[in-house]
Amino acid sequence: MQEQYRTIPREGVHESEINRSRFICALAPAATEQEAQAFVARIRKEHPTASHNCFAYVIGADASVQKASDDGEPGGTAGVPMLQMLTRREVRYVVAVVTRYYGGVKLGAGGLIRAYGGVVGEALDSLGTIVRQRFRLASVTVDHQRAGKLENDLRATGRAVREVRYAEAVTIEIGLPEADVEGFRAWLADATAGTATLELGGEAYGDA
C-alpha cells in the first residue's frame, strides 16, 4: 500500500483561451469511480452547448483506476494528454473535465494535445495540491482525570486527534503513522503512568 498520495484540496475551475477556443478545466476530488463519473455528468449538464466535454480521472492511492475520454476530439488529442498531466503531477483521487467552446480556428493534433494537457496543468497550479498520509487508526481509553491533559499533550506533539468520546472512561480516537505505533505505545504508558489502554484499528489516509 502507498504510504501517502497527493490530491487536490477542493473543486476548482480554470479557463484559458487558445486561438479563440475557450478551454474550461473543472477539477474535483473523487473518492470512487462513481463520484468521478457523477462529476463528469454534472459538468456536461452545465455546458450543454459546448463543442466537447473531455475528461480524465485517476482513482486509488496507487492510481489503479485510470480513464480518459476525447468526447469527439481526434483520438488521443484530449483525454490522454489530460490523464498524462494528472499522472505526471502524481495526483490521485481526482477528476478533470475540460470543456471546449470551439472558436473557429483549428488547432491541429499537436495544438489540441498541448491545449488539453496544458489547461489541466494550469488548473492544478491554481488549486494547489495536498499530501495525504496513511495512518493506523487507534483508540486510547483513559480515565476522566487524565483525559484533558492527555488530549492536550496529543495535540501538542502533533498527533492527529480525530474524535473524543466521553462515557465511563474517555476514548480518544487518533491516527498514527505505522512506523510510530510502538514509539507511541511507550510514550502513552509514560504520559499516563500506564493507566491508558491502546487499541489499534484499521487504516485510513489523512492530512500529512
N, C-alpha and C. Protein backbone atom coordinates (compact mmCIF):
# COMPACT_ATOMS: atom_id res chain seq x y z
N MET A 1 0.83 -1.21 0.00
CA MET A 1 0.00 0.00 0.00
C MET A 1 0.86 1.25 0.00
N GLN A 2 0.37 2.27 -0.66
CA GLN A 2 1.10 3.54 -0.69
C GLN A 2 1.12 4.17 0.69
N GLU A 3 2.27 4.71 1.09
CA GLU A 3 2.35 5.40 2.38
C GLU A 3 1.65 6.76 2.32
N GLN A 4 1.66 7.36 1.14
CA GLN A 4 1.00 8.66 1.01
C GLN A 4 0.62 8.89 -0.45
N TYR A 5 -0.25 9.84 -0.66
CA TYR A 5 -0.57 10.23 -2.04
C TYR A 5 -0.89 11.72 -2.07
N ARG A 6 -0.85 12.27 -3.26
CA ARG A 6 -1.12 13.70 -3.47
C ARG A 6 -2.49 13.84 -4.12
N THR A 7 -3.26 14.84 -3.69
CA THR A 7 -4.56 15.09 -4.31
C THR A 7 -4.84 16.59 -4.26
N ILE A 8 -6.04 16.98 -4.68
CA ILE A 8 -6.40 18.40 -4.64
C ILE A 8 -7.30 18.66 -3.43
N PRO A 9 -7.23 19.87 -2.87
CA PRO A 9 -7.97 20.12 -1.64
C PRO A 9 -9.48 20.32 -1.84
N ARG A 10 -9.89 20.72 -3.05
CA ARG A 10 -11.31 21.05 -3.26
C ARG A 10 -11.56 21.17 -4.76
N GLU A 11 -12.82 21.42 -5.11
CA GLU A 11 -13.14 21.67 -6.52
C GLU A 11 -12.59 23.01 -6.97
N GLY A 12 -12.35 23.14 -8.27
CA GLY A 12 -11.89 24.42 -8.80
C GLY A 12 -12.04 24.46 -10.30
N VAL A 13 -12.07 25.67 -10.86
CA VAL A 13 -12.24 25.84 -12.31
C VAL A 13 -11.18 26.81 -12.81
N HIS A 14 -10.60 26.49 -13.95
CA HIS A 14 -9.59 27.38 -14.55
C HIS A 14 -9.90 27.48 -16.04
N GLU A 15 -9.82 28.68 -16.59
CA GLU A 15 -10.15 28.87 -18.02
C GLU A 15 -8.98 29.46 -18.78
N SER A 16 -8.78 28.96 -20.01
CA SER A 16 -7.77 29.51 -20.93
C SER A 16 -8.40 29.74 -22.29
N GLU A 17 -7.91 30.75 -23.00
CA GLU A 17 -8.37 30.93 -24.39
C GLU A 17 -7.18 30.69 -25.31
N ILE A 18 -7.36 29.79 -26.27
CA ILE A 18 -6.28 29.45 -27.20
C ILE A 18 -6.85 29.52 -28.62
N ASN A 19 -6.30 30.43 -29.41
CA ASN A 19 -6.80 30.61 -30.79
C ASN A 19 -8.33 30.71 -30.86
N ARG A 20 -8.88 31.54 -30.01
CA ARG A 20 -10.30 31.84 -29.95
C ARG A 20 -11.17 30.70 -29.40
N SER A 21 -10.58 29.54 -29.12
CA SER A 21 -11.34 28.48 -28.44
C SER A 21 -11.21 28.67 -26.94
N ARG A 22 -12.34 28.48 -26.24
CA ARG A 22 -12.30 28.55 -24.77
C ARG A 22 -12.12 27.13 -24.22
N PHE A 23 -11.14 26.97 -23.35
CA PHE A 23 -10.90 25.70 -22.66
C PHE A 23 -11.14 25.93 -21.17
N ILE A 24 -12.16 25.26 -20.62
CA ILE A 24 -12.51 25.45 -19.20
C ILE A 24 -12.25 24.13 -18.49
N CYS A 25 -11.28 24.12 -17.58
CA CYS A 25 -10.96 22.89 -16.84
C CYS A 25 -11.60 22.93 -15.47
N ALA A 26 -12.46 21.95 -15.20
CA ALA A 26 -13.05 21.79 -13.86
C ALA A 26 -12.39 20.58 -13.21
N LEU A 27 -11.86 20.79 -12.02
CA LEU A 27 -11.21 19.71 -11.26
C LEU A 27 -12.01 19.43 -10.00
N ALA A 28 -12.03 18.17 -9.58
CA ALA A 28 -12.70 17.83 -8.31
C ALA A 28 -12.04 16.61 -7.69
N PRO A 29 -12.02 16.56 -6.34
CA PRO A 29 -11.60 15.31 -5.69
C PRO A 29 -12.69 14.26 -5.92
N ALA A 30 -12.31 13.01 -6.09
CA ALA A 30 -13.29 11.92 -6.26
C ALA A 30 -12.77 10.68 -5.54
N ALA A 31 -13.56 10.20 -4.57
CA ALA A 31 -13.12 9.04 -3.78
C ALA A 31 -13.33 7.73 -4.54
N THR A 32 -14.30 7.72 -5.47
CA THR A 32 -14.62 6.50 -6.22
C THR A 32 -14.83 6.83 -7.69
N GLU A 33 -14.85 5.79 -8.51
CA GLU A 33 -15.11 5.99 -9.94
C GLU A 33 -16.52 6.57 -10.15
N GLN A 34 -17.47 6.12 -9.31
CA GLN A 34 -18.84 6.63 -9.42
C GLN A 34 -18.88 8.14 -9.18
N GLU A 35 -18.13 8.60 -8.18
CA GLU A 35 -18.08 10.04 -7.89
C GLU A 35 -17.49 10.80 -9.08
N ALA A 36 -16.46 10.23 -9.68
CA ALA A 36 -15.81 10.88 -10.83
C ALA A 36 -16.81 10.99 -11.99
N GLN A 37 -17.54 9.89 -12.26
CA GLN A 37 -18.50 9.90 -13.36
C GLN A 37 -19.65 10.87 -13.10
N ALA A 38 -20.07 10.97 -11.83
CA ALA A 38 -21.15 11.90 -11.48
C ALA A 38 -20.71 13.34 -11.72
N PHE A 39 -19.43 13.64 -11.42
CA PHE A 39 -18.90 14.99 -11.65
C PHE A 39 -18.86 15.29 -13.15
N VAL A 40 -18.43 14.31 -13.95
CA VAL A 40 -18.39 14.49 -15.41
C VAL A 40 -19.81 14.79 -15.92
N ALA A 41 -20.79 14.03 -15.44
CA ALA A 41 -22.18 14.23 -15.87
C ALA A 41 -22.67 15.62 -15.48
N ARG A 42 -22.28 16.08 -14.28
CA ARG A 42 -22.71 17.40 -13.80
C ARG A 42 -22.15 18.51 -14.69
N ILE A 43 -20.85 18.40 -15.03
CA ILE A 43 -20.22 19.43 -15.87
C ILE A 43 -20.85 19.43 -17.27
N ARG A 44 -21.14 18.23 -17.80
CA ARG A 44 -21.79 18.14 -19.12
C ARG A 44 -23.13 18.87 -19.10
N LYS A 45 -23.85 18.73 -17.98
CA LYS A 45 -25.15 19.38 -17.85
C LYS A 45 -25.00 20.90 -17.78
N GLU A 46 -23.90 21.34 -17.15
CA GLU A 46 -23.65 22.78 -17.02
C GLU A 46 -23.24 23.41 -18.36
N HIS A 47 -22.70 22.59 -19.28
CA HIS A 47 -22.22 23.11 -20.57
C HIS A 47 -22.84 22.33 -21.74
N PRO A 48 -24.16 22.36 -21.85
CA PRO A 48 -24.80 21.51 -22.89
C PRO A 48 -24.48 21.95 -24.31
N THR A 49 -24.09 23.22 -24.50
CA THR A 49 -23.84 23.71 -25.86
C THR A 49 -22.35 23.70 -26.23
N ALA A 50 -21.50 23.17 -25.34
CA ALA A 50 -20.06 23.13 -25.63
C ALA A 50 -19.77 22.18 -26.78
N SER A 51 -18.66 22.44 -27.50
CA SER A 51 -18.25 21.56 -28.59
C SER A 51 -17.85 20.18 -28.05
N HIS A 52 -17.13 20.19 -26.92
CA HIS A 52 -16.64 18.93 -26.33
C HIS A 52 -16.56 19.08 -24.81
N ASN A 53 -16.83 17.97 -24.09
CA ASN A 53 -16.56 17.87 -22.66
C ASN A 53 -15.69 16.63 -22.47
N CYS A 54 -14.39 16.81 -22.52
CA CYS A 54 -13.45 15.68 -22.41
C CYS A 54 -13.08 15.49 -20.94
N PHE A 55 -12.78 14.25 -20.56
CA PHE A 55 -12.46 14.04 -19.14
C PHE A 55 -11.34 13.03 -18.95
N ALA A 56 -10.78 13.08 -17.75
CA ALA A 56 -9.79 12.08 -17.31
C ALA A 56 -9.88 11.99 -15.80
N TYR A 57 -9.72 10.77 -15.28
CA TYR A 57 -9.66 10.66 -13.82
C TYR A 57 -8.71 9.55 -13.39
N VAL A 58 -8.18 9.74 -12.17
CA VAL A 58 -7.26 8.78 -11.56
C VAL A 58 -7.79 8.48 -10.17
N ILE A 59 -8.15 7.22 -9.93
CA ILE A 59 -8.69 6.81 -8.62
C ILE A 59 -7.74 5.78 -8.01
N GLY A 60 -7.58 5.85 -6.69
CA GLY A 60 -6.71 4.90 -6.00
C GLY A 60 -5.38 5.54 -5.65
N ALA A 61 -4.91 5.26 -4.43
CA ALA A 61 -3.61 5.81 -4.00
C ALA A 61 -2.50 5.30 -4.90
N ASP A 62 -2.71 4.10 -5.48
CA ASP A 62 -1.71 3.53 -6.40
C ASP A 62 -2.12 3.75 -7.86
N ALA A 63 -3.09 4.66 -8.08
CA ALA A 63 -3.56 5.01 -9.45
C ALA A 63 -4.09 3.78 -10.19
N SER A 64 -4.79 2.89 -9.48
CA SER A 64 -5.23 1.63 -10.07
C SER A 64 -6.34 1.81 -11.11
N VAL A 65 -7.13 2.90 -11.00
CA VAL A 65 -8.19 3.15 -11.98
C VAL A 65 -7.86 4.43 -12.74
N GLN A 66 -7.72 4.32 -14.06
CA GLN A 66 -7.44 5.50 -14.90
C GLN A 66 -8.34 5.43 -16.13
N LYS A 67 -9.06 6.51 -16.38
CA LYS A 67 -9.94 6.57 -17.56
C LYS A 67 -9.79 7.93 -18.22
N ALA A 68 -10.01 7.95 -19.53
CA ALA A 68 -9.94 9.21 -20.27
C ALA A 68 -10.90 9.14 -21.45
N SER A 69 -11.46 10.27 -21.83
CA SER A 69 -12.35 10.34 -22.99
C SER A 69 -12.05 11.58 -23.82
N ASP A 70 -12.01 11.39 -25.16
CA ASP A 70 -11.77 12.52 -26.07
C ASP A 70 -13.07 13.24 -26.44
N ASP A 71 -14.21 12.60 -26.16
CA ASP A 71 -15.54 13.19 -26.44
C ASP A 71 -15.61 13.86 -27.81
N GLY A 72 -15.23 13.11 -28.85
CA GLY A 72 -15.39 13.63 -30.21
C GLY A 72 -14.18 14.34 -30.79
N GLU A 73 -13.20 14.69 -29.94
CA GLU A 73 -11.96 15.25 -30.49
C GLU A 73 -11.18 14.10 -31.16
N PRO A 74 -10.25 14.41 -32.07
CA PRO A 74 -9.46 13.33 -32.69
C PRO A 74 -8.81 12.44 -31.63
N GLY A 75 -8.81 11.13 -31.87
CA GLY A 75 -8.33 10.16 -30.88
C GLY A 75 -6.97 10.50 -30.29
N GLY A 76 -6.90 10.49 -28.99
CA GLY A 76 -5.62 10.70 -28.30
C GLY A 76 -5.19 12.14 -28.14
N THR A 77 -6.05 13.11 -28.57
CA THR A 77 -5.62 14.52 -28.50
C THR A 77 -6.17 15.26 -27.28
N ALA A 78 -7.07 14.62 -26.51
CA ALA A 78 -7.70 15.36 -25.40
C ALA A 78 -7.61 14.58 -24.09
N GLY A 79 -8.36 13.47 -23.99
CA GLY A 79 -8.41 12.72 -22.74
C GLY A 79 -7.05 12.21 -22.30
N VAL A 80 -6.29 11.66 -23.26
CA VAL A 80 -4.98 11.07 -22.91
C VAL A 80 -4.00 12.13 -22.39
N PRO A 81 -3.82 13.28 -23.10
CA PRO A 81 -2.92 14.29 -22.52
C PRO A 81 -3.39 14.84 -21.17
N MET A 82 -4.72 14.87 -20.98
CA MET A 82 -5.25 15.28 -19.65
C MET A 82 -4.83 14.26 -18.58
N LEU A 83 -5.02 12.98 -18.92
CA LEU A 83 -4.65 11.91 -17.98
C LEU A 83 -3.15 11.92 -17.71
N GLN A 84 -2.36 12.13 -18.77
CA GLN A 84 -0.90 12.16 -18.59
C GLN A 84 -0.49 13.30 -17.66
N MET A 85 -1.19 14.44 -17.76
CA MET A 85 -0.86 15.56 -16.87
C MET A 85 -1.17 15.19 -15.42
N LEU A 86 -2.30 14.53 -15.18
CA LEU A 86 -2.65 14.12 -13.81
C LEU A 86 -1.62 13.13 -13.26
N THR A 87 -1.23 12.15 -14.10
CA THR A 87 -0.29 11.14 -13.60
C THR A 87 1.13 11.71 -13.47
N ARG A 88 1.49 12.63 -14.38
CA ARG A 88 2.83 13.24 -14.29
C ARG A 88 2.95 14.06 -13.01
N ARG A 89 1.85 14.73 -12.65
CA ARG A 89 1.85 15.52 -11.41
C ARG A 89 1.61 14.65 -10.18
N GLU A 90 1.40 13.35 -10.43
CA GLU A 90 1.22 12.37 -9.35
C GLU A 90 0.03 12.69 -8.46
N VAL A 91 -1.07 13.18 -9.05
CA VAL A 91 -2.27 13.41 -8.24
C VAL A 91 -3.19 12.20 -8.36
N ARG A 92 -3.88 11.88 -7.26
CA ARG A 92 -4.75 10.71 -7.17
C ARG A 92 -6.13 11.15 -6.67
N TYR A 93 -7.10 10.25 -6.84
CA TYR A 93 -8.47 10.56 -6.42
C TYR A 93 -8.90 11.92 -6.95
N VAL A 94 -8.76 12.10 -8.25
CA VAL A 94 -9.05 13.40 -8.86
C VAL A 94 -9.69 13.17 -10.23
N VAL A 95 -10.61 14.06 -10.59
CA VAL A 95 -11.25 14.01 -11.90
C VAL A 95 -11.11 15.39 -12.54
N ALA A 96 -10.81 15.40 -13.84
CA ALA A 96 -10.68 16.65 -14.60
C ALA A 96 -11.63 16.59 -15.79
N VAL A 97 -12.40 17.65 -15.99
CA VAL A 97 -13.23 17.77 -17.19
C VAL A 97 -12.82 19.05 -17.90
N VAL A 98 -12.44 18.95 -19.16
CA VAL A 98 -12.12 20.15 -19.94
C VAL A 98 -13.23 20.36 -20.96
N THR A 99 -13.91 21.48 -20.80
CA THR A 99 -14.99 21.88 -21.70
C THR A 99 -14.40 22.80 -22.76
N ARG A 100 -14.67 22.49 -24.04
CA ARG A 100 -14.15 23.34 -25.11
C ARG A 100 -15.29 23.99 -25.89
N TYR A 101 -15.22 25.28 -26.01
CA TYR A 101 -16.10 26.00 -26.92
C TYR A 101 -15.26 26.39 -28.14
N TYR A 102 -15.56 25.80 -29.26
CA TYR A 102 -14.76 25.99 -30.48
C TYR A 102 -14.85 27.43 -30.97
N GLY A 103 -13.69 28.00 -31.31
CA GLY A 103 -13.66 29.41 -31.70
C GLY A 103 -13.46 29.64 -33.19
N GLY A 104 -13.48 28.55 -34.00
CA GLY A 104 -13.39 28.74 -35.43
C GLY A 104 -12.01 28.53 -36.03
N VAL A 105 -11.00 28.36 -35.16
CA VAL A 105 -9.63 28.14 -35.67
C VAL A 105 -9.21 26.73 -35.27
N LYS A 106 -8.83 25.92 -36.27
CA LYS A 106 -8.39 24.54 -35.96
C LYS A 106 -7.00 24.58 -35.34
N LEU A 107 -6.80 23.76 -34.32
CA LEU A 107 -5.52 23.77 -33.61
C LEU A 107 -4.57 22.68 -34.09
N GLY A 108 -5.11 21.68 -34.80
CA GLY A 108 -4.27 20.55 -35.20
C GLY A 108 -4.01 19.64 -34.00
N ALA A 109 -3.55 18.41 -34.28
CA ALA A 109 -3.38 17.42 -33.20
C ALA A 109 -2.42 17.91 -32.12
N GLY A 110 -1.26 18.43 -32.55
CA GLY A 110 -0.28 18.90 -31.56
C GLY A 110 -0.82 20.04 -30.71
N GLY A 111 -1.54 20.95 -31.35
CA GLY A 111 -2.12 22.08 -30.63
C GLY A 111 -3.16 21.64 -29.62
N LEU A 112 -3.98 20.63 -30.02
CA LEU A 112 -5.00 20.11 -29.09
C LEU A 112 -4.35 19.44 -27.88
N ILE A 113 -3.33 18.62 -28.15
CA ILE A 113 -2.64 17.91 -27.05
C ILE A 113 -2.07 18.93 -26.06
N ARG A 114 -1.43 19.97 -26.60
CA ARG A 114 -0.85 21.00 -25.71
C ARG A 114 -1.95 21.75 -24.94
N ALA A 115 -3.05 22.03 -25.64
CA ALA A 115 -4.13 22.81 -25.01
C ALA A 115 -4.80 22.02 -23.89
N TYR A 116 -5.18 20.78 -24.18
CA TYR A 116 -5.90 19.98 -23.17
C TYR A 116 -5.00 19.64 -21.98
N GLY A 117 -3.79 19.19 -22.26
CA GLY A 117 -2.86 18.89 -21.16
C GLY A 117 -2.50 20.14 -20.38
N GLY A 118 -2.27 21.23 -21.14
CA GLY A 118 -1.82 22.48 -20.51
C GLY A 118 -2.84 23.09 -19.57
N VAL A 119 -4.12 23.07 -19.97
CA VAL A 119 -5.13 23.70 -19.12
C VAL A 119 -5.33 22.89 -17.82
N VAL A 120 -5.13 21.57 -17.89
CA VAL A 120 -5.20 20.76 -16.66
C VAL A 120 -4.03 21.12 -15.73
N GLY A 121 -2.83 21.28 -16.32
CA GLY A 121 -1.66 21.67 -15.53
C GLY A 121 -1.85 23.03 -14.87
N GLU A 122 -2.42 23.98 -15.63
CA GLU A 122 -2.68 25.33 -15.07
C GLU A 122 -3.71 25.27 -13.95
N ALA A 123 -4.74 24.43 -14.14
CA ALA A 123 -5.78 24.29 -13.10
C ALA A 123 -5.17 23.71 -11.82
N LEU A 124 -4.29 22.72 -11.97
CA LEU A 124 -3.61 22.13 -10.79
C LEU A 124 -2.74 23.18 -10.10
N ASP A 125 -2.05 24.00 -10.90
CA ASP A 125 -1.21 25.06 -10.32
C ASP A 125 -2.05 26.04 -9.52
N SER A 126 -3.23 26.40 -10.06
CA SER A 126 -4.03 27.43 -9.37
C SER A 126 -4.71 26.87 -8.12
N LEU A 127 -5.05 25.57 -8.14
CA LEU A 127 -5.72 24.97 -6.96
C LEU A 127 -4.72 24.56 -5.89
N GLY A 128 -3.55 24.10 -6.35
CA GLY A 128 -2.58 23.56 -5.39
C GLY A 128 -2.93 22.12 -5.05
N THR A 129 -2.00 21.42 -4.41
CA THR A 129 -2.24 20.03 -4.02
C THR A 129 -1.92 19.84 -2.54
N ILE A 130 -2.49 18.76 -1.98
CA ILE A 130 -2.20 18.40 -0.58
C ILE A 130 -1.73 16.95 -0.56
N VAL A 131 -0.98 16.61 0.47
CA VAL A 131 -0.50 15.24 0.62
C VAL A 131 -1.29 14.57 1.73
N ARG A 132 -1.80 13.38 1.43
CA ARG A 132 -2.48 12.59 2.47
C ARG A 132 -1.60 11.40 2.84
N GLN A 133 -1.46 11.18 4.13
CA GLN A 133 -0.54 10.18 4.68
C GLN A 133 -1.35 8.98 5.18
N ARG A 134 -0.81 7.78 5.01
CA ARG A 134 -1.51 6.60 5.52
C ARG A 134 -1.34 6.53 7.04
N PHE A 135 -2.45 6.35 7.74
CA PHE A 135 -2.44 6.27 9.19
C PHE A 135 -3.02 4.96 9.66
N ARG A 136 -2.55 4.51 10.83
CA ARG A 136 -3.23 3.44 11.54
C ARG A 136 -4.18 4.12 12.53
N LEU A 137 -5.46 3.75 12.48
CA LEU A 137 -6.42 4.31 13.43
C LEU A 137 -6.21 3.62 14.78
N ALA A 138 -6.31 4.38 15.85
CA ALA A 138 -6.13 3.82 17.18
C ALA A 138 -7.04 4.51 18.17
N SER A 139 -7.47 3.75 19.19
CA SER A 139 -8.31 4.31 20.26
C SER A 139 -7.54 4.26 21.56
N VAL A 140 -7.47 5.40 22.22
CA VAL A 140 -6.84 5.47 23.54
C VAL A 140 -7.95 5.66 24.56
N THR A 141 -8.03 4.76 25.54
CA THR A 141 -9.04 4.89 26.60
C THR A 141 -8.33 5.24 27.90
N VAL A 142 -8.87 6.28 28.57
CA VAL A 142 -8.20 6.80 29.76
C VAL A 142 -9.26 7.34 30.72
N ASP A 143 -8.91 7.44 32.00
CA ASP A 143 -9.91 7.94 32.95
C ASP A 143 -10.11 9.46 32.78
N HIS A 144 -11.24 9.94 33.34
CA HIS A 144 -11.60 11.36 33.15
C HIS A 144 -10.52 12.30 33.71
N GLN A 145 -9.91 11.89 34.83
CA GLN A 145 -8.91 12.73 35.47
C GLN A 145 -7.76 13.10 34.53
N ARG A 146 -7.32 12.13 33.76
CA ARG A 146 -6.14 12.35 32.91
C ARG A 146 -6.49 12.78 31.49
N ALA A 147 -7.78 12.69 31.12
CA ALA A 147 -8.16 12.85 29.71
C ALA A 147 -7.81 14.22 29.14
N GLY A 148 -8.11 15.27 29.90
CA GLY A 148 -7.88 16.63 29.39
C GLY A 148 -6.41 16.87 29.09
N LYS A 149 -5.56 16.50 30.07
CA LYS A 149 -4.12 16.72 29.87
C LYS A 149 -3.60 15.85 28.72
N LEU A 150 -4.10 14.60 28.65
CA LEU A 150 -3.63 13.70 27.59
C LEU A 150 -4.02 14.25 26.22
N GLU A 151 -5.26 14.73 26.10
CA GLU A 151 -5.69 15.28 24.81
C GLU A 151 -4.81 16.47 24.41
N ASN A 152 -4.53 17.34 25.38
CA ASN A 152 -3.65 18.50 25.11
C ASN A 152 -2.26 18.04 24.68
N ASP A 153 -1.73 17.02 25.41
CA ASP A 153 -0.39 16.50 25.07
C ASP A 153 -0.37 15.91 23.66
N LEU A 154 -1.44 15.19 23.32
CA LEU A 154 -1.51 14.58 21.98
C LEU A 154 -1.46 15.66 20.91
N ARG A 155 -2.26 16.71 21.13
CA ARG A 155 -2.30 17.79 20.12
C ARG A 155 -0.97 18.54 20.09
N ALA A 156 -0.38 18.73 21.26
CA ALA A 156 0.89 19.48 21.34
C ALA A 156 2.02 18.73 20.64
N THR A 157 1.94 17.39 20.63
CA THR A 157 3.00 16.61 19.97
C THR A 157 2.64 16.30 18.52
N GLY A 158 1.58 16.97 18.01
CA GLY A 158 1.26 16.85 16.59
C GLY A 158 0.52 15.59 16.20
N ARG A 159 -0.07 14.89 17.19
CA ARG A 159 -0.85 13.69 16.86
C ARG A 159 -2.18 14.11 16.23
N ALA A 160 -2.67 13.29 15.30
CA ALA A 160 -3.94 13.60 14.64
C ALA A 160 -5.10 13.09 15.49
N VAL A 161 -5.67 13.97 16.32
CA VAL A 161 -6.84 13.59 17.15
C VAL A 161 -8.09 13.70 16.27
N ARG A 162 -8.79 12.57 16.12
CA ARG A 162 -9.94 12.53 15.22
C ARG A 162 -11.26 12.71 15.95
N GLU A 163 -11.35 12.19 17.15
CA GLU A 163 -12.62 12.25 17.87
C GLU A 163 -12.35 11.99 19.35
N VAL A 164 -13.18 12.60 20.22
CA VAL A 164 -13.09 12.34 21.66
C VAL A 164 -14.48 11.97 22.14
N ARG A 165 -14.61 10.81 22.81
CA ARG A 165 -15.93 10.36 23.31
C ARG A 165 -15.87 10.22 24.83
N TYR A 166 -16.89 10.77 25.48
CA TYR A 166 -16.95 10.70 26.95
C TYR A 166 -18.01 9.70 27.37
N ALA A 167 -17.60 8.71 28.18
CA ALA A 167 -18.54 7.76 28.77
C ALA A 167 -18.02 7.51 30.18
N GLU A 168 -18.04 6.26 30.64
CA GLU A 168 -17.45 5.98 31.98
C GLU A 168 -15.97 6.32 31.96
N ALA A 169 -15.36 6.03 30.84
CA ALA A 169 -13.97 6.48 30.62
C ALA A 169 -14.00 7.37 29.37
N VAL A 170 -12.87 7.95 29.03
CA VAL A 170 -12.80 8.81 27.85
C VAL A 170 -12.03 8.07 26.75
N THR A 171 -12.60 8.03 25.56
CA THR A 171 -11.93 7.38 24.42
C THR A 171 -11.51 8.46 23.44
N ILE A 172 -10.23 8.47 23.12
CA ILE A 172 -9.69 9.45 22.16
C ILE A 172 -9.26 8.68 20.92
N GLU A 173 -9.90 9.00 19.79
CA GLU A 173 -9.54 8.35 18.52
C GLU A 173 -8.41 9.16 17.87
N ILE A 174 -7.35 8.46 17.48
CA ILE A 174 -6.23 9.16 16.85
C ILE A 174 -5.78 8.42 15.60
N GLY A 175 -4.97 9.09 14.80
CA GLY A 175 -4.33 8.46 13.65
C GLY A 175 -2.83 8.48 13.84
N LEU A 176 -2.19 7.34 13.62
CA LEU A 176 -0.73 7.23 13.82
C LEU A 176 -0.06 6.72 12.55
N PRO A 177 1.05 7.31 12.15
CA PRO A 177 1.83 6.67 11.08
C PRO A 177 2.26 5.28 11.57
N GLU A 178 2.22 4.30 10.68
CA GLU A 178 2.52 2.91 11.06
C GLU A 178 3.85 2.79 11.80
N ALA A 179 4.85 3.52 11.36
CA ALA A 179 6.19 3.41 11.95
C ALA A 179 6.23 3.96 13.38
N ASP A 180 5.18 4.69 13.75
CA ASP A 180 5.17 5.39 15.03
C ASP A 180 4.44 4.61 16.13
N VAL A 181 3.83 3.47 15.76
CA VAL A 181 2.94 2.77 16.71
C VAL A 181 3.66 2.35 17.98
N GLU A 182 4.81 1.69 17.83
CA GLU A 182 5.50 1.18 19.04
C GLU A 182 6.03 2.33 19.90
N GLY A 183 6.57 3.35 19.25
CA GLY A 183 7.06 4.51 19.99
C GLY A 183 5.92 5.20 20.73
N PHE A 184 4.76 5.24 20.10
CA PHE A 184 3.60 5.89 20.72
C PHE A 184 3.15 5.09 21.94
N ARG A 185 3.18 3.77 21.82
CA ARG A 185 2.77 2.90 22.94
C ARG A 185 3.61 3.23 24.19
N ALA A 186 4.91 3.37 23.98
CA ALA A 186 5.82 3.69 25.09
C ALA A 186 5.53 5.10 25.63
N TRP A 187 5.32 6.05 24.73
CA TRP A 187 5.04 7.44 25.14
C TRP A 187 3.75 7.50 25.96
N LEU A 188 2.74 6.74 25.52
CA LEU A 188 1.43 6.75 26.19
C LEU A 188 1.55 6.17 27.61
N ALA A 189 2.28 5.07 27.74
CA ALA A 189 2.46 4.45 29.06
C ALA A 189 3.13 5.43 30.01
N ASP A 190 4.11 6.16 29.47
CA ASP A 190 4.85 7.14 30.25
C ASP A 190 3.95 8.33 30.64
N ALA A 191 3.18 8.81 29.65
CA ALA A 191 2.36 10.01 29.87
C ALA A 191 1.20 9.77 30.82
N THR A 192 0.74 8.51 30.91
CA THR A 192 -0.45 8.23 31.75
C THR A 192 -0.12 7.29 32.90
N ALA A 193 1.16 7.12 33.18
CA ALA A 193 1.61 6.20 34.24
C ALA A 193 1.01 4.81 34.06
N GLY A 194 0.90 4.40 32.80
CA GLY A 194 0.43 3.04 32.49
C GLY A 194 -1.06 2.83 32.65
N THR A 195 -1.84 3.91 32.83
CA THR A 195 -3.28 3.73 33.09
C THR A 195 -4.13 3.72 31.81
N ALA A 196 -3.57 4.15 30.68
CA ALA A 196 -4.36 4.20 29.44
C ALA A 196 -4.22 2.91 28.67
N THR A 197 -5.27 2.55 27.92
CA THR A 197 -5.16 1.39 27.04
C THR A 197 -5.19 1.86 25.58
N LEU A 198 -4.47 1.12 24.75
CA LEU A 198 -4.38 1.48 23.33
C LEU A 198 -4.90 0.31 22.51
N GLU A 199 -5.88 0.60 21.65
CA GLU A 199 -6.40 -0.41 20.76
C GLU A 199 -6.17 0.04 19.32
N LEU A 200 -5.58 -0.84 18.52
CA LEU A 200 -5.31 -0.48 17.13
C LEU A 200 -6.48 -0.90 16.25
N GLY A 201 -6.82 -0.05 15.29
CA GLY A 201 -7.91 -0.35 14.37
C GLY A 201 -7.39 -0.50 12.95
N GLY A 202 -8.22 -0.13 12.00
CA GLY A 202 -7.86 -0.25 10.58
C GLY A 202 -6.97 0.89 10.12
N GLU A 203 -6.91 1.04 8.80
CA GLU A 203 -6.04 2.09 8.22
C GLU A 203 -6.89 3.11 7.47
N ALA A 204 -6.38 4.33 7.40
CA ALA A 204 -7.06 5.38 6.65
C ALA A 204 -5.99 6.37 6.20
N TYR A 205 -6.39 7.26 5.32
CA TYR A 205 -5.49 8.36 4.91
C TYR A 205 -5.97 9.65 5.51
N GLY A 206 -5.01 10.47 5.94
CA GLY A 206 -5.35 11.78 6.49
C GLY A 206 -4.33 12.80 6.04
N ASP A 207 -4.54 14.06 6.42
CA ASP A 207 -3.60 15.12 6.01
C ASP A 207 -2.24 14.87 6.62
N ALA A 208 -1.23 14.98 5.80
CA ALA A 208 0.14 14.74 6.29
C ALA A 208 0.63 15.96 7.04
